[in-house]
C-alpha atoms as a PDB file:
ATOM      1  CA  MET A   1      27.547  -0.395 -41.388  1.00  0.00           C
ATOM      2  CA  GLU A   2      26.193  -3.727 -40.197  1.00  0.00           C
ATOM      3  CA  LYS A   3      29.004  -4.019 -37.660  1.00  0.00           C
ATOM      4  CA  SER A   4      28.245  -0.545 -36.283  1.00  0.00           C
ATOM      5  CA  LEU A   5      24.555  -1.424 -36.002  1.00  0.00           C
ATOM      6  CA  HIS A   6      25.474  -4.664 -34.219  1.00  0.00           C
ATOM      7  CA  TRP A   7      27.549  -2.772 -31.625  1.00  0.00           C
ATOM      8  CA  ARG A   8      24.755  -0.262 -31.071  1.00  0.00           C
ATOM      9  CA  GLU A   9      22.260  -3.052 -30.436  1.00  0.00           C
ATOM     10  CA  PHE A  10      24.737  -4.760 -28.085  1.00  0.00           C
ATOM     11  CA  ILE A  11      25.311  -1.559 -26.067  1.00  0.00           C
ATOM     12  CA  ILE A  12      21.575  -0.785 -25.854  1.00  0.00           C
ATOM     13  CA  THR A  13      20.866  -4.369 -24.748  1.00  0.00           C
ATOM     14  CA  GLN A  14      23.482  -4.178 -22.007  1.00  0.00           C
ATOM     15  CA  ILE A  15      22.147  -0.817 -20.799  1.00  0.00           C
ATOM     16  CA  ILE A  16      18.637  -2.278 -20.588  1.00  0.00           C
ATOM     17  CA  LYS A  17      19.946  -5.312 -18.657  1.00  0.00           C
ATOM     18  CA  LEU A  18      21.909  -3.046 -16.322  1.00  0.00           C
ATOM     19  CA  SER A  19      18.807  -0.961 -15.683  1.00  0.00           C
ATOM     20  CA  GLY A  20      16.847  -4.078 -14.805  1.00  0.00           C
ATOM     21  CA  TYR A  21      19.525  -5.452 -12.486  1.00  0.00           C
ATOM     22  CA  SER A  22      19.988  -2.053 -10.814  1.00  0.00           C
ATOM     23  CA  ALA A  23      16.559  -2.355  -9.161  1.00  0.00           C
ATOM     24  CA  ILE A  24      17.674  -5.577  -7.456  1.00  0.00           C
ATOM     25  CA  VAL A  25      20.968  -3.980  -6.436  1.00  0.00           C
ATOM     26  CA  PHE A  26      19.254  -0.927  -4.942  1.00  0.00           C
ATOM     27  CA  VAL A  27      16.839  -3.070  -2.918  1.00  0.00           C
ATOM     28  CA  ALA A  28      19.708  -5.228  -1.670  1.00  0.00           C
ATOM     29  CA  LEU A  29      21.734  -2.151  -0.665  1.00  0.00           C
ATOM     30  CA  ILE A  30      18.753  -0.700   1.214  1.00  0.00           C
ATOM     31  CA  LEU A  31      18.283  -3.995   3.058  1.00  0.00           C
ATOM     32  CA  LEU A  32      21.973  -4.181   3.945  1.00  0.00           C
ATOM     33  CA  PHE A  33      21.920  -0.617   5.261  1.00  0.00           C
ATOM     34  CA  LEU A  34      18.845  -1.341   7.393  1.00  0.00           C
ATOM     35  CA  LEU A  35      20.393  -4.544   8.751  1.00  0.00           C
ATOM     36  CA  ASN A  36      23.661  -2.745   9.554  1.00  0.00           C
ATOM     37  CA  GLU A  37      21.883  -0.002  11.486  1.00  0.00           C
ATOM     38  CA  GLY A  38      18.985  -2.001  12.927  1.00  0.00           C
ATOM     39  CA  LEU A  39      20.419  -5.313  14.140  1.00  0.00           C
ATOM     40  CA  PRO A  40      22.589  -3.659  16.860  1.00  0.00           C
ATOM     41  CA  ALA A  41      19.301  -2.838  18.606  1.00  0.00           C
ATOM     42  CA  LEU A  42      19.037  -6.503  19.599  1.00  0.00           C
ATOM     43  CA  GLY A  43      22.200  -6.097  21.657  1.00  0.00           C
ATOM     44  CA  LYS A  44      21.725  -2.560  22.972  1.00  0.00           C
ATOM     45  CA  ALA A  45      18.053  -2.836  24.007  1.00  0.00           C
ATOM     46  CA  ASP A  46      16.609  -5.338  26.454  1.00  0.00           C
ATOM     47  CA  LEU A  47      14.754  -8.024  24.472  1.00  0.00           C
ATOM     48  CA  SER A  48      11.921  -8.179  26.996  1.00  0.00           C
ATOM     49  CA  SER A  49      11.479  -4.435  26.570  1.00  0.00           C
ATOM     50  CA  LEU A  50      11.925  -4.596  22.803  1.00  0.00           C
ATOM     51  CA  PHE A  51       9.054  -7.033  22.334  1.00  0.00           C
ATOM     52  CA  GLY A  52       6.959  -5.505  25.086  1.00  0.00           C
ATOM     53  CA  THR A  53       3.827  -3.398  24.944  1.00  0.00           C
ATOM     54  CA  ARG A  54       5.178  -0.032  26.096  1.00  0.00           C
ATOM     55  CA  TRP A  55       6.894   2.533  23.864  1.00  0.00           C
ATOM     56  CA  TYR A  56       8.605   5.195  25.982  1.00  0.00           C
ATOM     57  CA  PRO A  57      12.200   5.592  24.737  1.00  0.00           C
ATOM     58  CA  ILE A  58      13.151   8.193  27.368  1.00  0.00           C
ATOM     59  CA  GLU A  59      12.995   5.449  30.017  1.00  0.00           C
ATOM     60  CA  ASN A  60      14.374   2.738  27.685  1.00  0.00           C
ATOM     61  CA  TYR A  61      11.016   1.144  26.950  1.00  0.00           C
ATOM     62  CA  PHE A  62      11.148   0.136  23.290  1.00  0.00           C
ATOM     63  CA  GLY A  63       8.062  -2.035  22.915  1.00  0.00           C
ATOM     64  CA  ILE A  64       7.418  -2.271  19.163  1.00  0.00           C
ATOM     65  CA  LEU A  65       4.237  -4.370  19.376  1.00  0.00           C
ATOM     66  CA  PRO A  66       1.938  -1.306  19.714  1.00  0.00           C
ATOM     67  CA  LEU A  67       3.536   0.213  16.618  1.00  0.00           C
ATOM     68  CA  VAL A  68       3.204  -2.979  14.567  1.00  0.00           C
ATOM     69  CA  SER A  69      -0.398  -3.501  15.656  1.00  0.00           C
ATOM     70  CA  GLY A  70      -1.248   0.137  14.911  1.00  0.00           C
ATOM     71  CA  SER A  71       0.163  -0.156  11.381  1.00  0.00           C
ATOM     72  CA  LEU A  72      -1.693  -3.409  10.743  1.00  0.00           C
ATOM     73  CA  VAL A  73      -5.032  -2.073  11.996  1.00  0.00           C
ATOM     74  CA  VAL A  74      -4.810   1.152   9.999  1.00  0.00           C
ATOM     75  CA  THR A  75      -3.688  -0.671   6.844  1.00  0.00           C
ATOM     76  CA  PHE A  76      -6.347  -3.371   7.209  1.00  0.00           C
ATOM     77  CA  GLY A  77      -9.042  -0.742   7.623  1.00  0.00           C
ATOM     78  CA  ALA A  78      -7.725   1.132   4.587  1.00  0.00           C
ATOM     79  CA  ALA A  79      -7.788  -2.076   2.527  1.00  0.00           C
ATOM     80  CA  LEU A  80     -11.408  -2.773   3.512  1.00  0.00           C
ATOM     81  CA  ILE A  81     -12.315   0.685   2.197  1.00  0.00           C
ATOM     82  CA  ALA A  82     -10.033   0.965  -0.833  1.00  0.00           C
ATOM     83  CA  VAL A  83     -10.309  -2.490  -2.412  1.00  0.00           C
ATOM     84  CA  PRO A  84     -14.088  -2.655  -3.070  1.00  0.00           C
ATOM     85  CA  LEU A  85     -14.285   1.060  -3.877  1.00  0.00           C
ATOM     86  CA  GLY A  86     -11.270   0.929  -6.192  1.00  0.00           C
ATOM     87  CA  ILE A  87     -12.323  -2.206  -8.058  1.00  0.00           C
ATOM     88  CA  GLY A  88     -15.917  -0.964  -8.332  1.00  0.00           C
ATOM     89  CA  THR A  89     -14.762   2.369  -9.729  1.00  0.00           C
ATOM     90  CA  ALA A  90     -12.434   0.641 -12.202  1.00  0.00           C
ATOM     91  CA  VAL A  91     -15.271  -1.623 -13.389  1.00  0.00           C
ATOM     92  CA  TYR A  92     -17.576   1.360 -13.825  1.00  0.00           C
ATOM     93  CA  ILE A  93     -14.999   3.356 -15.802  1.00  0.00           C
ATOM     94  CA  ALA A  94     -13.931   0.440 -18.012  1.00  0.00           C
ATOM     95  CA  GLU A  95     -17.216  -1.394 -18.561  1.00  0.00           C
ATOM     96  CA  ILE A  96     -20.270   0.759 -17.797  1.00  0.00           C
ATOM     97  CA  ALA A  97     -19.560   4.483 -18.051  1.00  0.00           C
ATOM     98  CA  PRO A  98     -20.192   6.269 -21.366  1.00  0.00           C
ATOM     99  CA  ARG A  99     -17.114   7.470 -23.193  1.00  0.00           C
ATOM    100  CA  TRP A 100     -17.565  11.125 -22.195  1.00  0.00           C
ATOM    101  CA  VAL A 101     -17.917  10.160 -18.528  1.00  0.00           C
ATOM    102  CA  ARG A 102     -14.791   8.007 -18.759  1.00  0.00           C
ATOM    103  CA  GLU A 103     -12.801  10.884 -20.230  1.00  0.00           C
ATOM    104  CA  ILE A 104     -13.761  13.008 -17.210  1.00  0.00           C
ATOM    105  CA  LEU A 105     -13.448  10.412 -14.439  1.00  0.00           C
ATOM    106  CA  LYS A 106     -10.068   8.938 -15.425  1.00  0.00           C
ATOM    107  CA  PRO A 107      -8.136  12.247 -15.216  1.00  0.00           C
ATOM    108  CA  LEU A 108      -9.934  13.158 -11.989  1.00  0.00           C
ATOM    109  CA  VAL A 109      -8.926   9.864 -10.375  1.00  0.00           C
ATOM    110  CA  GLU A 110      -5.310  10.335 -11.462  1.00  0.00           C
ATOM    111  CA  LEU A 111      -5.407  13.922 -10.163  1.00  0.00           C
ATOM    112  CA  LEU A 112      -6.586  12.604  -6.786  1.00  0.00           C
ATOM    113  CA  GLY A 113      -3.624  10.225  -6.754  1.00  0.00           C
ATOM    114  CA  GLY A 114      -1.274  13.164  -7.210  1.00  0.00           C
ATOM    115  CA  LEU A 115      -2.484  15.109  -4.170  1.00  0.00           C
ATOM    116  CA  PRO A 116       0.243  15.514  -1.517  1.00  0.00           C
ATOM    117  CA  SER A 117      -0.388  13.416   1.575  1.00  0.00           C
ATOM    118  CA  VAL A 118       0.092  16.445   3.819  1.00  0.00           C
ATOM    119  CA  VAL A 119      -2.892  18.104   2.116  1.00  0.00           C
ATOM    120  CA  LEU A 120      -5.041  15.074   2.911  1.00  0.00           C
ATOM    121  CA  GLY A 121      -3.695  15.218   6.458  1.00  0.00           C
ATOM    122  CA  PHE A 122      -4.899  18.815   6.833  1.00  0.00           C
ATOM    123  CA  LEU A 123      -8.256  17.756   5.388  1.00  0.00           C
ATOM    124  CA  GLY A 124      -8.426  14.985   7.972  1.00  0.00           C
ATOM    125  CA  ILE A 125      -7.617  17.287  10.891  1.00  0.00           C
ATOM    126  CA  LEU A 126      -9.965  20.108   9.901  1.00  0.00           C
ATOM    127  CA  VAL A 127     -12.918  18.219   8.380  1.00  0.00           C
ATOM    128  CA  VAL A 128     -12.918  14.424   8.770  1.00  0.00           C
ATOM    129  CA  SER A 129     -11.732  14.178  12.365  1.00  0.00           C
ATOM    130  CA  PRO A 130     -14.241  16.682  13.896  1.00  0.00           C
ATOM    131  CA  TYR A 131     -17.098  15.138  11.895  1.00  0.00           C
ATOM    132  CA  LEU A 132     -16.293  11.591  13.028  1.00  0.00           C
ATOM    133  CA  ARG A 133     -15.963  12.727  16.634  1.00  0.00           C
ATOM    134  CA  LEU A 134     -19.501  14.143  16.569  1.00  0.00           C
ATOM    135  CA  PHE A 135     -21.071  11.467  14.359  1.00  0.00           C
ATOM    136  CA  LEU A 136     -19.650   8.482  16.278  1.00  0.00           C
ATOM    137  CA  ASN A 137     -19.704  10.221  19.684  1.00  0.00           C
ATOM    138  CA  LEU A 138     -15.988   9.617  20.288  1.00  0.00           C
ATOM    139  CA  PRO A 139     -13.717  11.361  22.791  1.00  0.00           C
ATOM    140  CA  THR A 140     -11.461  12.356  19.895  1.00  0.00           C
ATOM    141  CA  GLY A 141     -11.647  12.137  16.139  1.00  0.00           C
ATOM    142  CA  LEU A 142      -7.921  11.372  15.836  1.00  0.00           C
ATOM    143  CA  THR A 143      -8.295   7.598  15.623  1.00  0.00           C
ATOM    144  CA  ALA A 144      -7.114   4.634  13.588  1.00  0.00           C
ATOM    145  CA  PHE A 145     -10.433   4.740  11.720  1.00  0.00           C
ATOM    146  CA  THR A 146      -9.732   8.304  10.562  1.00  0.00           C
ATOM    147  CA  GLY A 147      -6.339   7.199   9.325  1.00  0.00           C
ATOM    148  CA  SER A 148      -7.920   4.220   7.549  1.00  0.00           C
ATOM    149  CA  LEU A 149     -10.412   6.471   5.756  1.00  0.00           C
ATOM    150  CA  LEU A 150      -7.705   8.783   4.470  1.00  0.00           C
ATOM    151  CA  LEU A 151      -5.322   5.958   3.593  1.00  0.00           C
ATOM    152  CA  GLY A 152      -8.169   4.298   1.717  1.00  0.00           C
ATOM    153  CA  GLY A 153      -8.612   7.518  -0.251  1.00  0.00           C
ATOM    154  CA  ILE A 154      -4.890   7.544  -1.002  1.00  0.00           C
ATOM    155  CA  ALA A 155      -4.870   3.905  -2.170  1.00  0.00           C
ATOM    156  CA  VAL A 156      -8.016   4.120  -4.334  1.00  0.00           C
ATOM    157  CA  PRO A 157      -6.451   6.056  -7.269  1.00  0.00           C
ATOM    158  CA  THR A 158      -3.633   3.513  -7.574  1.00  0.00           C
ATOM    159  CA  ILE A 159      -6.059   0.586  -7.565  1.00  0.00           C
ATOM    160  CA  VAL A 160      -8.410   2.290 -10.032  1.00  0.00           C
ATOM    161  CA  SER A 161      -5.647   3.255 -12.471  1.00  0.00           C
ATOM    162  CA  VAL A 162      -3.992  -0.178 -12.645  1.00  0.00           C
ATOM    163  CA  ALA A 163      -7.229  -2.212 -12.508  1.00  0.00           C
ATOM    164  CA  GLU A 164      -8.914  -0.079 -15.174  1.00  0.00           C
ATOM    165  CA  ASP A 165      -5.973  -0.557 -17.531  1.00  0.00           C
ATOM    166  CA  ALA A 166      -6.122  -4.323 -16.926  1.00  0.00           C
ATOM    167  CA  LEU A 167      -9.868  -4.451 -17.612  1.00  0.00           C
ATOM    168  CA  ASP A 168      -9.490  -2.317 -20.711  1.00  0.00           C
ATOM    169  CA  ALA A 169      -6.817  -4.712 -22.023  1.00  0.00           C
ATOM    170  CA  VAL A 170      -9.231  -7.691 -22.020  1.00  0.00           C
ATOM    171  CA  PRO A 171     -10.073  -8.472 -25.683  1.00  0.00           C
ATOM    172  CA  ARG A 172     -13.547  -7.429 -26.789  1.00  0.00           C
ATOM    173  CA  SER A 173     -14.060 -10.904 -28.243  1.00  0.00           C
ATOM    174  CA  TYR A 174     -14.352 -12.250 -24.661  1.00  0.00           C
ATOM    175  CA  ARG A 175     -17.295  -9.962 -23.979  1.00  0.00           C
ATOM    176  CA  GLU A 176     -18.929 -10.624 -27.337  1.00  0.00           C
ATOM    177  CA  GLY A 177     -18.628 -14.366 -26.800  1.00  0.00           C
ATOM    178  CA  ALA A 178     -20.331 -14.102 -23.411  1.00  0.00           C
ATOM    179  CA  TRP A 179     -23.112 -11.940 -24.851  1.00  0.00           C
ATOM    180  CA  ALA A 180     -23.617 -14.438 -27.682  1.00  0.00           C
ATOM    181  CA  LEU A 181     -24.166 -17.156 -25.076  1.00  0.00           C
ATOM    182  CA  GLY A 182     -26.900 -15.047 -23.450  1.00  0.00           C
ATOM    183  CA  ALA A 183     -24.967 -13.604 -20.513  1.00  0.00           C
ATOM    184  CA  THR A 184     -26.083 -10.258 -19.146  1.00  0.00           C
ATOM    185  CA  GLN A 185     -23.712  -7.323 -18.782  1.00  0.00           C
ATOM    186  CA  TRP A 186     -23.154  -7.988 -15.077  1.00  0.00           C
ATOM    187  CA  GLN A 187     -22.629 -11.733 -15.671  1.00  0.00           C
ATOM    188  CA  THR A 188     -20.065 -10.892 -18.334  1.00  0.00           C
ATOM    189  CA  ILE A 189     -18.236  -8.499 -16.000  1.00  0.00           C
ATOM    190  CA  TRP A 190     -18.269 -10.864 -13.014  1.00  0.00           C
ATOM    191  CA  ARG A 191     -17.551 -14.180 -14.757  1.00  0.00           C
ATOM    192  CA  VAL A 192     -15.541 -13.179 -17.831  1.00  0.00           C
ATOM    193  CA  THR A 193     -13.918  -9.741 -17.722  1.00  0.00           C
ATOM    194  CA  LEU A 194     -12.781  -9.682 -14.082  1.00  0.00           C
ATOM    195  CA  PRO A 195     -11.325 -13.236 -14.146  1.00  0.00           C
ATOM    196  CA  ALA A 196      -9.501 -12.427 -17.398  1.00  0.00           C
ATOM    197  CA  ALA A 197      -7.997  -9.283 -15.829  1.00  0.00           C
ATOM    198  CA  LYS A 198      -7.367 -10.939 -12.452  1.00  0.00           C
ATOM    199  CA  SER A 199      -3.587 -10.565 -12.483  1.00  0.00           C
ATOM    200  CA  GLY A 200      -3.746  -6.855 -13.314  1.00  0.00           C
ATOM    201  CA  VAL A 201      -6.467  -6.184 -10.747  1.00  0.00           C
ATOM    202  CA  LEU A 202      -4.483  -7.995  -8.051  1.00  0.00           C
ATOM    203  CA  THR A 203      -1.406  -5.983  -9.000  1.00  0.00           C
ATOM    204  CA  GLY A 204      -3.372  -2.765  -8.520  1.00  0.00           C
ATOM    205  CA  VAL A 205      -4.683  -3.953  -5.150  1.00  0.00           C
ATOM    206  CA  MET A 206      -1.211  -4.872  -3.908  1.00  0.00           C
ATOM    207  CA  LEU A 207       0.249  -1.568  -5.111  1.00  0.00           C
ATOM    208  CA  GLY A 208      -2.523   0.308  -3.320  1.00  0.00           C
ATOM    209  CA  ILE A 209      -2.008  -1.638  -0.102  1.00  0.00           C
ATOM    210  CA  GLY A 210       1.736  -1.149  -0.395  1.00  0.00           C
ATOM    211  CA  ARG A 211       1.254   2.595  -0.635  1.00  0.00           C
ATOM    212  CA  ALA A 212      -1.030   2.516   2.409  1.00  0.00           C
ATOM    213  CA  ILE A 213       1.586   0.612   4.418  1.00  0.00           C
ATOM    214  CA  GLY A 214       4.326   3.113   3.583  1.00  0.00           C
ATOM    215  CA  GLU A 215       2.300   6.320   4.023  1.00  0.00           C
ATOM    216  CA  THR A 216       3.682   8.627   6.716  1.00  0.00           C
ATOM    217  CA  MET A 217       2.412  12.200   6.890  1.00  0.00           C
ATOM    218  CA  THR A 218      -1.308  11.461   6.772  1.00  0.00           C
ATOM    219  CA  VAL A 219      -1.291   8.838   9.529  1.00  0.00           C
ATOM    220  CA  MET A 220       1.058  10.926  11.656  1.00  0.00           C
ATOM    221  CA  MET A 221      -1.426  13.819  11.527  1.00  0.00           C
ATOM    222  CA  VAL A 222      -4.777  12.069  12.079  1.00  0.00           C
ATOM    223  CA  THR A 223      -4.302   8.834  14.074  1.00  0.00           C
ATOM    224  CA  GLY A 224      -3.569  10.430  17.455  1.00  0.00           C
ATOM    225  CA  ASN A 225      -0.033   8.967  17.744  1.00  0.00           C
ATOM    226  CA  ALA A 226      -0.817   6.940  20.872  1.00  0.00           C
ATOM    227  CA  PRO A 227       1.462   3.854  21.063  1.00  0.00           C
ATOM    228  CA  VAL A 228      -1.076   1.386  22.488  1.00  0.00           C
ATOM    229  CA  LEU A 229      -1.888  -2.173  21.480  1.00  0.00           C
ATOM    230  CA  ALA A 230      -4.561  -2.299  18.797  1.00  0.00           C
ATOM    231  CA  PHE A 231      -5.713  -5.911  18.776  1.00  0.00           C
ATOM    232  CA  LYS A 232      -9.316  -5.310  19.931  1.00  0.00           C
ATOM    233  CA  LEU A 233     -12.276  -4.418  17.719  1.00  0.00           C
ATOM    234  CA  GLY A 234     -12.682  -1.104  19.499  1.00  0.00           C
ATOM    235  CA  SER A 235      -9.063  -0.228  18.712  1.00  0.00           C
ATOM    236  CA  LEU A 236     -10.180   0.935  15.278  1.00  0.00           C
ATOM    237  CA  PHE A 237     -12.012   3.842  16.945  1.00  0.00           C
ATOM    238  CA  ALA A 238      -9.200   4.720  19.348  1.00  0.00           C
ATOM    239  CA  PRO A 239      -5.909   6.583  18.824  1.00  0.00           C
ATOM    240  CA  ALA A 240      -3.063   4.509  17.408  1.00  0.00           C
ATOM    241  CA  ARG A 241       0.478   4.946  16.186  1.00  0.00           C
ATOM    242  CA  THR A 242       2.088   3.432  13.112  1.00  0.00           C
ATOM    243  CA  MET A 243       5.661   2.413  12.444  1.00  0.00           C
ATOM    244  CA  THR A 244       6.128   4.982   9.688  1.00  0.00           C
ATOM    245  CA  ALA A 245       4.840   7.823  11.879  1.00  0.00           C
ATOM    246  CA  THR A 246       7.196   6.789  14.686  1.00  0.00           C
ATOM    247  CA  ILE A 247      10.243   6.827  12.417  1.00  0.00           C
ATOM    248  CA  ALA A 248       9.296  10.189  10.888  1.00  0.00           C
ATOM    249  CA  ALA A 249       8.518  11.821  14.227  1.00  0.00           C
ATOM    250  CA  GLU A 250      11.564  10.641  16.198  1.00  0.00           C
ATOM    251  CA  MET A 251      14.441  10.051  13.784  1.00  0.00           C
ATOM    252  CA  GLY A 252      15.295  13.762  13.526  1.00  0.00           C
ATOM    253  CA  GLU A 253      15.770  14.155  17.287  1.00  0.00           C
ATOM    254  CA  VAL A 254      17.397  10.867  18.289  1.00  0.00           C
ATOM    255  CA  ALA A 255      21.078  10.630  19.223  1.00  0.00           C
ATOM    256  CA  ASN A 256      23.164   8.930  16.552  1.00  0.00           C
ATOM    257  CA  GLY A 257      24.320   5.467  17.689  1.00  0.00           C
ATOM    258  CA  SER A 258      22.012   5.261  20.698  1.00  0.00           C
ATOM    259  CA  ALA A 259      19.717   2.333  21.447  1.00  0.00           C
ATOM    260  CA  HIS A 260      16.737   4.452  20.401  1.00  0.00           C
ATOM    261  CA  TYR A 261      18.468   5.172  17.060  1.00  0.00           C
ATOM    262  CA  HIS A 262      19.039   1.494  16.305  1.00  0.00           C
ATOM    263  CA  VAL A 263      15.517   0.509  17.391  1.00  0.00           C
ATOM    264  CA  LEU A 264      14.059   2.946  14.870  1.00  0.00           C
ATOM    265  CA  PHE A 265      16.057   1.211  12.144  1.00  0.00           C
ATOM    266  CA  LEU A 266      14.845  -2.142  13.484  1.00  0.00           C
ATOM    267  CA  ILE A 267      11.302  -0.851  12.970  1.00  0.00           C
ATOM    268  CA  GLY A 268      12.347   0.025   9.427  1.00  0.00           C
ATOM    269  CA  ILE A 269      13.497  -3.588   8.918  1.00  0.00           C
ATOM    270  CA  ILE A 270      10.127  -4.886  10.091  1.00  0.00           C
ATOM    271  CA  LEU A 271       8.346  -2.464   7.769  1.00  0.00           C
ATOM    272  CA  PHE A 272      10.582  -3.572   4.893  1.00  0.00           C
ATOM    273  CA  LEU A 273       9.835  -7.248   5.565  1.00  0.00           C
ATOM    274  CA  ILE A 274       6.076  -6.621   5.728  1.00  0.00           C
ATOM    275  CA  SER A 275       6.171  -4.821   2.380  1.00  0.00           C
ATOM    276  CA  LEU A 276       8.299  -7.614   0.927  1.00  0.00           C
ATOM    277  CA  LEU A 277       5.845 -10.238   2.200  1.00  0.00           C
ATOM    278  CA  VAL A 278       2.903  -8.415   0.605  1.00  0.00           C
ATOM    279  CA  ASN A 279       4.712  -8.254  -2.743  1.00  0.00           C
ATOM    280  CA  VAL A 280       5.767 -11.904  -2.609  1.00  0.00           C
ATOM    281  CA  LEU A 281       2.211 -13.025  -1.851  1.00  0.00           C
ATOM    282  CA  ALA A 282       0.890 -10.867  -4.696  1.00  0.00           C
ATOM    283  CA  SER A 283       3.470 -12.277  -7.115  1.00  0.00           C
ATOM    284  CA  SER A 284       2.623 -15.865  -6.128  1.00  0.00           C
ATOM    285  CA  VAL A 285      -1.111 -15.270  -6.590  1.00  0.00           C
ATOM    286  CA  ILE A 286      -0.560 -13.626  -9.982  1.00  0.00           C
ATOM    287  CA  PHE A 287       1.772 -16.447 -11.070  1.00  0.00           C
ATOM    288  CA  ARG A 288      -0.779 -19.099 -10.115  1.00  0.00           C
ATOM    289  CA  ALA A 289      -3.525 -17.210 -11.935  1.00  0.00           C
ATOM    290  CA  ARG A 290      -1.423 -17.050 -15.099  1.00  0.00           C
ATOM    291  CA  ARG A 291      -0.546 -20.753 -14.881  1.00  0.00           C
ATOM    292  CA  ARG A 292      -4.212 -21.607 -14.447  1.00  0.00           C
ATOM    293  CA  ALA A 293      -5.137 -19.447 -17.439  1.00  0.00           C
ATOM    294  CA  GLU A 294      -2.436 -21.101 -19.558  1.00  0.00           C
ATOM    295  CA  ARG A 295      -3.763 -24.556 -18.631  1.00  0.00           C
ATOM    296  CA  ILE A 296      -7.300 -23.544 -19.578  1.00  0.00           C
ATOM    297  CA  LEU A 297      -6.190 -22.083 -22.932  1.00  0.00           C
ATOM    298  CA  SER A 298      -4.048 -25.132 -23.707  1.00  0.00           C
END
């Protein structure tokens, strides 16, 4: 009996290890596939054209800088909207809202996170874009700012869900200790609860930003899809084009094995590396925060 139980535990342990290692294997296989299909673009496309500022594949202009800048501007704008709104909502749900309000708000936020991106894209085309065009007196409402607003709305539920769970996991004794020392509710939230839940809040922020970077349908529908450089302040209120929208719009019509085909995979490599960089930075920040907390507790 004991021997049978030992073998069961051994098999379950190995299955759990295999499941954990499979995530690394899948990521490595995806990277290898992207490298295999994307690196030939460096030989098939002219490098001066590849790192230029004009994207017009029909005439062999494969400038990826407008696409990279468009993605960065839209994502940065979405982060400026989603991070304060998401953290503020999480703090309200976890620390301030009455229990009955929390039981209503939490499911509503999670329901918002489950909305299909194409539905938000239709909302942007029919409601948000015309309103912004009139309110800001713009030639068109299909701008990077419109995409940032909708991407911010997409990222907020992820940030709220993860950050609220992290805040809720902070022991009540931390709050009671702060109150005993005479701290107000806001001082307790700002100086005790949020620092204690810092790693979880940062995880939620990075997950939200990661979702904004990888979003496709919404930005393809509301940003105008104009491949122009977006390094100026006014670029936020002008049409732009992201890397994800370019891949989604053109991959279905491109000739297999052509220079255009390989350049699209090269864009995928760049997108993969940006997402990897965001996750590595988030992991390093969280690791330092945990080490600092361990030093303080020791």
